[in-house]
Amino acid sequence: MLKVDLVNQVASMTGLTKKAANDAVDAFVDTVTSALKKGDDVLITGFGKFEVRVRSQREGRNPQTGAKISIPATKTPAFRAGKALKAAVK
């Protein structure tokens, strides 16, 4: 499903115009993004949890030369599906 499909589905389910549905989807994405930037988790009961995971620094190898390289620590967004979502998909 693409964003345009999601917007159309939200518009048809809520009776909103497509522009209003697009604004709602954009607001949701922006809210989740800003919360994750601040380091906060976003929990939607029954759906899932958006969180930031920290990957520690590790050592890797350059596949072309085989030389050891240091891969720096980084933060990455993650999503954990909730119980109700898992049951619905099953």
C-alpha atoms as a PDB file:
ATOM      1  CA  MET A   1       0.000   0.000   0.000  1.00  0.00           C
ATOM      2  CA  LEU A   2       1.322   3.388  -0.996  1.00  0.00           C
ATOM      3  CA  LYS A   3       0.714   6.660   0.810  1.00  0.00           C
ATOM      4  CA  VAL A   4      -1.902   7.684  -1.773  1.00  0.00           C
ATOM      5  CA  ASP A   5      -3.755   4.410  -1.119  1.00  0.00           C
ATOM      6  CA  LEU A   6      -3.626   5.053   2.631  1.00  0.00           C
ATOM      7  CA  VAL A   7      -4.950   8.587   2.146  1.00  0.00           C
ATOM      8  CA  ASN A   8      -7.801   7.309  -0.031  1.00  0.00           C
ATOM      9  CA  GLN A   9      -8.689   4.636   2.538  1.00  0.00           C
ATOM     10  CA  VAL A  10      -8.667   7.154   5.414  1.00  0.00           C
ATOM     11  CA  ALA A  11     -10.813   9.535   3.378  1.00  0.00           C
ATOM     12  CA  SER A  12     -13.384   6.851   2.564  1.00  0.00           C
ATOM     13  CA  MET A  13     -13.529   5.486   6.136  1.00  0.00           C
ATOM     14  CA  THR A  14     -13.842   8.863   7.853  1.00  0.00           C
ATOM     15  CA  GLY A  15     -15.759  10.928   5.321  1.00  0.00           C
ATOM     16  CA  LEU A  16     -12.933  13.452   5.133  1.00  0.00           C
ATOM     17  CA  THR A  17     -11.877  15.019   1.887  1.00  0.00           C
ATOM     18  CA  LYS A  18      -8.727  13.612   0.317  1.00  0.00           C
ATOM     19  CA  LYS A  19      -6.861  16.807   1.192  1.00  0.00           C
ATOM     20  CA  ALA A  20      -7.932  16.602   4.839  1.00  0.00           C
ATOM     21  CA  ALA A  21      -7.047  12.894   4.955  1.00  0.00           C
ATOM     22  CA  ASN A  22      -3.645  13.666   3.428  1.00  0.00           C
ATOM     23  CA  ASP A  23      -3.091  16.366   6.068  1.00  0.00           C
ATOM     24  CA  ALA A  24      -4.059  13.880   8.810  1.00  0.00           C
ATOM     25  CA  VAL A  25      -1.642  11.237   7.516  1.00  0.00           C
ATOM     26  CA  ASP A  26       1.127  13.834   7.198  1.00  0.00           C
ATOM     27  CA  ALA A  27       0.439  15.072  10.739  1.00  0.00           C
ATOM     28  CA  PHE A  28       0.653  11.519  12.087  1.00  0.00           C
ATOM     29  CA  VAL A  29       3.969  10.868  10.329  1.00  0.00           C
ATOM     30  CA  ASP A  30       5.388  14.230  11.470  1.00  0.00           C
ATOM     31  CA  THR A  31       4.291  13.603  15.066  1.00  0.00           C
ATOM     32  CA  VAL A  32       5.884  10.160  15.191  1.00  0.00           C
ATOM     33  CA  THR A  33       9.057  11.482  13.550  1.00  0.00           C
ATOM     34  CA  SER A  34       9.447  14.385  15.984  1.00  0.00           C
ATOM     35  CA  ALA A  35       8.797  12.135  18.986  1.00  0.00           C
ATOM     36  CA  LEU A  36      11.459   9.672  17.827  1.00  0.00           C
ATOM     37  CA  LYS A  37      13.911  12.543  17.212  1.00  0.00           C
ATOM     38  CA  LYS A  38      13.466  13.557  20.862  1.00  0.00           C
ATOM     39  CA  GLY A  39      14.077   9.959  21.942  1.00  0.00           C
ATOM     40  CA  ASP A  40      10.478   9.313  22.992  1.00  0.00           C
ATOM     41  CA  ASP A  41       8.582   6.126  22.188  1.00  0.00           C
ATOM     42  CA  VAL A  42       5.164   6.215  20.506  1.00  0.00           C
ATOM     43  CA  LEU A  43       2.805   3.533  21.819  1.00  0.00           C
ATOM     44  CA  ILE A  44      -0.504   2.894  20.071  1.00  0.00           C
ATOM     45  CA  THR A  45      -2.277   0.312  22.207  1.00  0.00           C
ATOM     46  CA  GLY A  46      -3.286  -2.717  20.185  1.00  0.00           C
ATOM     47  CA  PHE A  47      -1.315  -1.563  17.137  1.00  0.00           C
ATOM     48  CA  GLY A  48       2.313  -1.327  18.161  1.00  0.00           C
ATOM     49  CA  LYS A  49       5.213   0.705  19.422  1.00  0.00           C
ATOM     50  CA  PHE A  50       7.578   2.977  17.510  1.00  0.00           C
ATOM     51  CA  GLU A  51      10.915   3.311  19.284  1.00  0.00           C
ATOM     52  CA  VAL A  52      14.539   4.298  18.783  1.00  0.00           C
ATOM     53  CA  ARG A  53      17.114   1.549  19.118  1.00  0.00           C
ATOM     54  CA  VAL A  54      20.801   2.236  19.685  1.00  0.00           C
ATOM     55  CA  ARG A  55      23.361   0.169  17.831  1.00  0.00           C
ATOM     56  CA  SER A  56      26.707   0.148  19.579  1.00  0.00           C
ATOM     57  CA  GLN A  57      30.019   0.677  17.826  1.00  0.00           C
ATOM     58  CA  ARG A  58      31.331  -2.490  16.237  1.00  0.00           C
ATOM     59  CA  GLU A  59      34.118  -3.713  14.044  1.00  0.00           C
ATOM     60  CA  GLY A  60      33.536  -4.764  10.463  1.00  0.00           C
ATOM     61  CA  ARG A  61      35.497  -5.605   7.365  1.00  0.00           C
ATOM     62  CA  ASN A  62      35.753  -3.935   3.988  1.00  0.00           C
ATOM     63  CA  PRO A  63      34.469  -6.635   1.601  1.00  0.00           C
ATOM     64  CA  GLN A  64      36.817  -5.553  -1.207  1.00  0.00           C
ATOM     65  CA  THR A  65      40.075  -5.355   0.738  1.00  0.00           C
ATOM     66  CA  GLY A  66      39.336  -7.354   3.888  1.00  0.00           C
ATOM     67  CA  ALA A  67      40.678  -4.477   5.989  1.00  0.00           C
ATOM     68  CA  LYS A  68      39.160  -3.958   9.433  1.00  0.00           C
ATOM     69  CA  ILE A  69      36.968  -0.879   9.788  1.00  0.00           C
ATOM     70  CA  SER A  70      35.192   0.674  12.722  1.00  0.00           C
ATOM     71  CA  ILE A  71      31.433   1.040  12.293  1.00  0.00           C
ATOM     72  CA  PRO A  72      30.272   3.925  14.507  1.00  0.00           C
ATOM     73  CA  ALA A  73      27.379   3.753  16.954  1.00  0.00           C
ATOM     74  CA  THR A  74      24.047   4.871  15.534  1.00  0.00           C
ATOM     75  CA  LYS A  75      20.390   5.280  16.388  1.00  0.00           C
ATOM     76  CA  THR A  76      17.750   3.626  14.230  1.00  0.00           C
ATOM     77  CA  PRO A  77      13.939   3.712  14.286  1.00  0.00           C
ATOM     78  CA  ALA A  78      12.116   0.445  14.961  1.00  0.00           C
ATOM     79  CA  PHE A  79       8.541  -0.781  15.140  1.00  0.00           C
ATOM     80  CA  ARG A  80       7.235  -3.579  17.331  1.00  0.00           C
ATOM     81  CA  ALA A  81       3.803  -4.889  16.424  1.00  0.00           C
ATOM     82  CA  GLY A  82       1.213  -5.102  19.205  1.00  0.00           C
ATOM     83  CA  LYS A  83      -0.719  -8.188  20.212  1.00  0.00           C
ATOM     84  CA  ALA A  84      -3.923  -7.209  18.377  1.00  0.00           C
ATOM     85  CA  LEU A  85      -2.037  -6.438  15.134  1.00  0.00           C
ATOM     86  CA  LYS A  86      -0.190  -9.738  15.281  1.00  0.00           C
ATOM     87  CA  ALA A  87      -3.465 -11.589  15.827  1.00  0.00           C
ATOM     88  CA  ALA A  88      -5.167  -9.756  12.950  1.00  0.00           C
ATOM     89  CA  VAL A  89      -2.381 -10.593  10.521  1.00  0.00           C
ATOM     90  CA  LYS A  90      -2.179 -14.210  11.605  1.00  0.00           C
END
